[in-house]
Amino acid sequence: CDKVEVKMELGESMVDDGSNDGSKSRIKECRRCHRKFDGPRSYTSHKKCCKGVEEDDNLHCCNICSVSFRREQDLETHVNMHEGNKPYECRVTCGERFYGKN
């Protein structure tokens, strides 16, 4: 492989992308599931979720971006936004469609 990987604390990695400018891209890897992330924000969310699922049966995590929710209904609404699904229709007045029930 033309990339050199240096392991760091908490399962983070720094990967030399082989460019001549000496820059390194920061790739973070989860120690539990070995999923890789290219940004600290997505890694932090995933780490909380991955750990939380083991410790808290009431935590529901998005498989797309690893954001966690306490209520399954909130996760369903969130996933609908990722997928562009608007399964809920206003039946009172306007007929507009929404991602969630609320």
N, C-alpha and C. Protein backbone atom coordinates (compact mmCIF):
# COMPACT_ATOMS: atom_id res chain seq x y z
N CYS A 1 0.84 -1.19 0.00
CA CYS A 1 0.00 0.00 0.00
C CYS A 1 0.88 1.24 0.00
N ASP A 2 0.47 2.28 -0.70
CA ASP A 2 1.26 3.51 -0.78
C ASP A 2 0.93 4.49 0.33
N LYS A 3 0.14 4.06 1.31
CA LYS A 3 -0.22 4.93 2.43
C LYS A 3 0.41 4.39 3.71
N VAL A 4 0.88 5.28 4.52
CA VAL A 4 1.46 4.91 5.81
C VAL A 4 0.49 5.33 6.88
N GLU A 5 0.11 4.40 7.74
CA GLU A 5 -0.87 4.70 8.77
C GLU A 5 -0.20 4.67 10.14
N VAL A 6 -0.46 5.69 10.93
CA VAL A 6 0.09 5.79 12.28
C VAL A 6 -1.08 5.71 13.25
N LYS A 7 -1.07 4.71 14.14
CA LYS A 7 -2.15 4.56 15.11
C LYS A 7 -1.98 5.58 16.22
N MET A 8 -3.11 6.13 16.67
CA MET A 8 -3.10 7.13 17.73
C MET A 8 -4.07 6.71 18.82
N GLU A 9 -4.16 7.50 19.84
CA GLU A 9 -5.04 7.27 20.97
C GLU A 9 -6.51 7.17 20.55
N LEU A 10 -7.29 6.35 21.24
CA LEU A 10 -8.74 6.19 21.04
C LEU A 10 -9.11 5.66 19.66
N GLY A 11 -8.21 4.91 19.05
CA GLY A 11 -8.55 4.32 17.76
C GLY A 11 -8.47 5.29 16.60
N GLU A 12 -7.95 6.49 16.81
CA GLU A 12 -7.83 7.46 15.74
C GLU A 12 -6.63 7.07 14.88
N SER A 13 -6.65 7.46 13.64
CA SER A 13 -5.54 7.20 12.74
C SER A 13 -5.18 8.47 12.01
N MET A 14 -3.92 8.59 11.64
CA MET A 14 -3.50 9.67 10.76
C MET A 14 -2.89 8.99 9.55
N VAL A 15 -3.39 9.26 8.38
CA VAL A 15 -2.96 8.56 7.19
C VAL A 15 -2.19 9.52 6.29
N ASP A 16 -0.99 9.11 5.88
CA ASP A 16 -0.21 9.87 4.92
C ASP A 16 -0.75 9.50 3.54
N ASP A 17 -1.28 10.49 2.85
CA ASP A 17 -1.93 10.22 1.56
C ASP A 17 -0.94 10.14 0.40
N GLY A 18 0.35 10.24 0.69
CA GLY A 18 1.36 10.09 -0.34
C GLY A 18 1.61 11.34 -1.15
N SER A 19 0.96 12.44 -0.82
CA SER A 19 1.16 13.67 -1.58
C SER A 19 2.52 14.28 -1.24
N ASN A 20 3.07 15.03 -2.16
CA ASN A 20 4.39 15.62 -1.98
C ASN A 20 4.39 16.83 -1.06
N ASP A 21 3.22 17.37 -0.75
CA ASP A 21 3.18 18.57 0.08
C ASP A 21 3.28 18.25 1.57
N GLY A 22 3.40 16.98 1.93
CA GLY A 22 3.57 16.61 3.33
C GLY A 22 2.29 16.64 4.14
N SER A 23 1.16 16.90 3.50
CA SER A 23 -0.09 16.98 4.24
C SER A 23 -0.58 15.58 4.62
N LYS A 24 -1.31 15.53 5.69
CA LYS A 24 -1.88 14.27 6.15
C LYS A 24 -3.38 14.46 6.31
N SER A 25 -4.14 13.47 5.89
CA SER A 25 -5.58 13.52 6.10
C SER A 25 -5.88 12.77 7.39
N ARG A 26 -6.75 13.34 8.21
CA ARG A 26 -7.09 12.69 9.48
C ARG A 26 -8.28 11.77 9.28
N ILE A 27 -8.02 10.50 9.46
CA ILE A 27 -9.08 9.51 9.38
C ILE A 27 -9.19 8.87 10.75
N LYS A 28 -10.39 8.83 11.27
CA LYS A 28 -10.61 8.25 12.58
C LYS A 28 -11.31 6.91 12.42
N GLU A 29 -10.90 5.95 13.23
CA GLU A 29 -11.46 4.61 13.16
C GLU A 29 -12.01 4.20 14.52
N CYS A 30 -13.21 3.68 14.54
CA CYS A 30 -13.84 3.22 15.77
C CYS A 30 -13.18 1.91 16.21
N ARG A 31 -12.77 1.85 17.46
CA ARG A 31 -12.14 0.63 17.98
C ARG A 31 -13.12 -0.52 18.08
N ARG A 32 -14.39 -0.23 18.30
CA ARG A 32 -15.38 -1.29 18.49
C ARG A 32 -15.79 -1.95 17.17
N CYS A 33 -16.13 -1.13 16.16
CA CYS A 33 -16.67 -1.71 14.92
C CYS A 33 -15.76 -1.51 13.71
N HIS A 34 -14.67 -0.76 13.87
CA HIS A 34 -13.66 -0.50 12.84
C HIS A 34 -14.18 0.31 11.66
N ARG A 35 -15.30 1.00 11.85
CA ARG A 35 -15.80 1.90 10.82
C ARG A 35 -14.90 3.14 10.80
N LYS A 36 -14.62 3.68 9.62
CA LYS A 36 -13.71 4.83 9.48
C LYS A 36 -14.48 6.09 9.16
N PHE A 37 -13.97 7.22 9.67
CA PHE A 37 -14.61 8.52 9.50
C PHE A 37 -13.56 9.54 9.08
N ASP A 38 -13.97 10.46 8.20
CA ASP A 38 -13.02 11.46 7.71
C ASP A 38 -13.11 12.79 8.44
N GLY A 39 -13.99 12.89 9.41
CA GLY A 39 -14.11 14.14 10.16
C GLY A 39 -14.33 13.89 11.63
N PRO A 40 -13.84 14.80 12.47
CA PRO A 40 -13.97 14.60 13.92
C PRO A 40 -15.41 14.64 14.40
N ARG A 41 -16.27 15.41 13.76
CA ARG A 41 -17.65 15.52 14.22
C ARG A 41 -18.41 14.21 14.01
N SER A 42 -18.27 13.62 12.83
CA SER A 42 -18.96 12.36 12.56
C SER A 42 -18.40 11.24 13.43
N TYR A 43 -17.09 11.26 13.66
CA TYR A 43 -16.48 10.24 14.52
C TYR A 43 -16.97 10.36 15.95
N THR A 44 -17.05 11.57 16.47
CA THR A 44 -17.51 11.79 17.84
C THR A 44 -18.95 11.32 18.01
N SER A 45 -19.81 11.62 17.06
CA SER A 45 -21.20 11.16 17.12
C SER A 45 -21.26 9.64 17.09
N HIS A 46 -20.49 9.04 16.20
CA HIS A 46 -20.49 7.59 16.08
C HIS A 46 -19.97 6.93 17.35
N LYS A 47 -18.90 7.47 17.90
CA LYS A 47 -18.30 6.89 19.11
C LYS A 47 -19.31 6.86 20.24
N LYS A 48 -20.04 7.94 20.40
CA LYS A 48 -21.08 8.02 21.43
C LYS A 48 -22.15 6.96 21.17
N CYS A 49 -22.54 6.85 19.93
CA CYS A 49 -23.60 5.91 19.56
C CYS A 49 -23.14 4.46 19.70
N CYS A 50 -21.98 4.16 19.21
CA CYS A 50 -21.46 2.79 19.24
C CYS A 50 -21.30 2.32 20.68
N LYS A 51 -20.77 3.17 21.53
CA LYS A 51 -20.61 2.86 22.95
C LYS A 51 -21.97 2.82 23.63
N GLY A 52 -22.83 3.76 23.30
CA GLY A 52 -24.13 3.87 23.94
C GLY A 52 -25.04 2.69 23.71
N VAL A 53 -24.96 2.09 22.53
CA VAL A 53 -25.82 0.95 22.23
C VAL A 53 -25.50 -0.20 23.17
N GLU A 54 -24.22 -0.39 23.48
CA GLU A 54 -23.83 -1.46 24.39
C GLU A 54 -24.29 -1.17 25.81
N GLU A 55 -24.28 0.09 26.21
CA GLU A 55 -24.56 0.45 27.59
C GLU A 55 -26.02 0.83 27.84
N ASP A 56 -26.75 1.18 26.80
CA ASP A 56 -28.10 1.71 26.98
C ASP A 56 -29.02 1.15 25.89
N ASP A 57 -29.88 0.23 26.29
CA ASP A 57 -30.79 -0.39 25.32
C ASP A 57 -31.79 0.60 24.74
N ASN A 58 -31.95 1.75 25.36
CA ASN A 58 -32.92 2.74 24.90
C ASN A 58 -32.34 3.73 23.90
N LEU A 59 -31.11 3.51 23.44
CA LEU A 59 -30.47 4.42 22.50
C LEU A 59 -30.66 3.88 21.08
N HIS A 60 -31.17 4.72 20.19
CA HIS A 60 -31.42 4.33 18.79
C HIS A 60 -30.48 5.14 17.91
N CYS A 61 -29.69 4.45 17.07
CA CYS A 61 -28.65 5.11 16.28
C CYS A 61 -28.92 5.02 14.78
N CYS A 62 -28.62 6.11 14.10
CA CYS A 62 -28.74 6.17 12.65
C CYS A 62 -27.58 5.40 12.01
N ASN A 63 -27.89 4.46 11.13
CA ASN A 63 -26.85 3.70 10.44
C ASN A 63 -26.17 4.50 9.35
N ILE A 64 -26.74 5.64 9.00
CA ILE A 64 -26.18 6.46 7.93
C ILE A 64 -25.14 7.44 8.47
N CYS A 65 -25.46 8.13 9.57
CA CYS A 65 -24.55 9.16 10.08
C CYS A 65 -24.20 8.99 11.56
N SER A 66 -24.73 7.97 12.22
CA SER A 66 -24.41 7.64 13.61
C SER A 66 -24.93 8.62 14.65
N VAL A 67 -25.88 9.45 14.31
CA VAL A 67 -26.52 10.30 15.31
C VAL A 67 -27.41 9.41 16.16
N SER A 68 -27.49 9.70 17.46
CA SER A 68 -28.28 8.84 18.35
C SER A 68 -29.51 9.58 18.87
N PHE A 69 -30.55 8.80 19.16
CA PHE A 69 -31.82 9.33 19.65
C PHE A 69 -32.33 8.44 20.78
N ARG A 70 -33.03 9.04 21.71
CA ARG A 70 -33.64 8.28 22.80
C ARG A 70 -34.95 7.62 22.35
N ARG A 71 -35.66 8.29 21.44
CA ARG A 71 -36.95 7.76 20.99
C ARG A 71 -36.82 7.18 19.59
N GLU A 72 -37.36 5.99 19.40
CA GLU A 72 -37.31 5.33 18.09
C GLU A 72 -38.02 6.17 17.02
N GLN A 73 -39.09 6.85 17.41
CA GLN A 73 -39.83 7.70 16.47
C GLN A 73 -38.94 8.84 15.95
N ASP A 74 -38.09 9.40 16.81
CA ASP A 74 -37.19 10.46 16.37
C ASP A 74 -36.17 9.93 15.37
N LEU A 75 -35.69 8.71 15.59
CA LEU A 75 -34.77 8.09 14.63
C LEU A 75 -35.48 7.88 13.29
N GLU A 76 -36.71 7.41 13.32
CA GLU A 76 -37.47 7.18 12.10
C GLU A 76 -37.61 8.48 11.29
N THR A 77 -37.94 9.57 11.97
CA THR A 77 -38.06 10.87 11.31
C THR A 77 -36.72 11.28 10.70
N HIS A 78 -35.65 11.08 11.45
CA HIS A 78 -34.30 11.43 11.00
C HIS A 78 -33.92 10.64 9.73
N VAL A 79 -34.15 9.34 9.74
CA VAL A 79 -33.83 8.50 8.58
C VAL A 79 -34.67 8.91 7.38
N ASN A 80 -35.92 9.26 7.61
CA ASN A 80 -36.77 9.74 6.51
C ASN A 80 -36.16 10.97 5.85
N MET A 81 -35.54 11.85 6.64
CA MET A 81 -34.90 13.05 6.07
C MET A 81 -33.71 12.65 5.20
N HIS A 82 -32.90 11.68 5.66
CA HIS A 82 -31.79 11.19 4.84
C HIS A 82 -32.29 10.68 3.50
N GLU A 83 -33.37 9.92 3.54
CA GLU A 83 -33.88 9.24 2.35
C GLU A 83 -34.85 10.08 1.53
N GLY A 84 -35.24 11.24 2.05
CA GLY A 84 -36.17 12.10 1.33
C GLY A 84 -37.61 11.62 1.37
N ASN A 85 -37.91 10.72 2.29
CA ASN A 85 -39.27 10.19 2.42
C ASN A 85 -40.12 11.12 3.28
N LYS A 86 -41.31 11.41 2.81
CA LYS A 86 -42.27 12.20 3.59
C LYS A 86 -43.57 11.41 3.67
N PRO A 87 -43.60 10.41 4.57
CA PRO A 87 -44.74 9.51 4.62
C PRO A 87 -45.97 10.05 5.35
N TYR A 88 -45.82 11.17 6.03
CA TYR A 88 -46.94 11.68 6.84
C TYR A 88 -47.57 12.89 6.16
N GLU A 89 -48.88 12.82 6.00
CA GLU A 89 -49.62 13.88 5.31
C GLU A 89 -50.53 14.62 6.29
N CYS A 90 -50.59 15.94 6.13
CA CYS A 90 -51.51 16.74 6.93
C CYS A 90 -52.93 16.45 6.44
N ARG A 91 -53.73 15.91 7.31
CA ARG A 91 -55.10 15.54 6.92
C ARG A 91 -56.11 16.58 7.37
N VAL A 92 -55.64 17.61 8.05
CA VAL A 92 -56.55 18.62 8.57
C VAL A 92 -56.87 19.67 7.51
N THR A 93 -55.83 20.30 6.96
CA THR A 93 -56.11 21.42 6.05
C THR A 93 -55.34 21.38 4.73
N CYS A 94 -54.03 21.25 4.78
CA CYS A 94 -53.24 21.56 3.59
C CYS A 94 -52.84 20.36 2.73
N GLY A 95 -52.78 19.16 3.29
CA GLY A 95 -52.36 18.00 2.51
C GLY A 95 -50.86 17.92 2.29
N GLU A 96 -50.10 18.85 2.87
CA GLU A 96 -48.64 18.82 2.73
C GLU A 96 -48.09 17.57 3.41
N ARG A 97 -46.92 17.09 2.91
CA ARG A 97 -46.31 15.88 3.45
C ARG A 97 -45.10 16.23 4.32
N PHE A 98 -44.84 15.37 5.34
CA PHE A 98 -43.78 15.64 6.32
C PHE A 98 -42.96 14.39 6.59
N TYR A 99 -41.72 14.60 7.12
CA TYR A 99 -40.82 13.51 7.48
C TYR A 99 -41.31 12.74 8.70
N GLY A 100 -41.91 13.46 9.66
CA GLY A 100 -42.33 12.84 10.92
C GLY A 100 -43.77 13.16 11.26
N LYS A 101 -44.25 12.53 12.31
CA LYS A 101 -45.64 12.71 12.72
C LYS A 101 -45.90 14.08 13.32
N ASN A 102 -44.91 14.69 13.92
CA ASN A 102 -45.11 15.97 14.61
C ASN A 102 -45.07 17.14 13.65
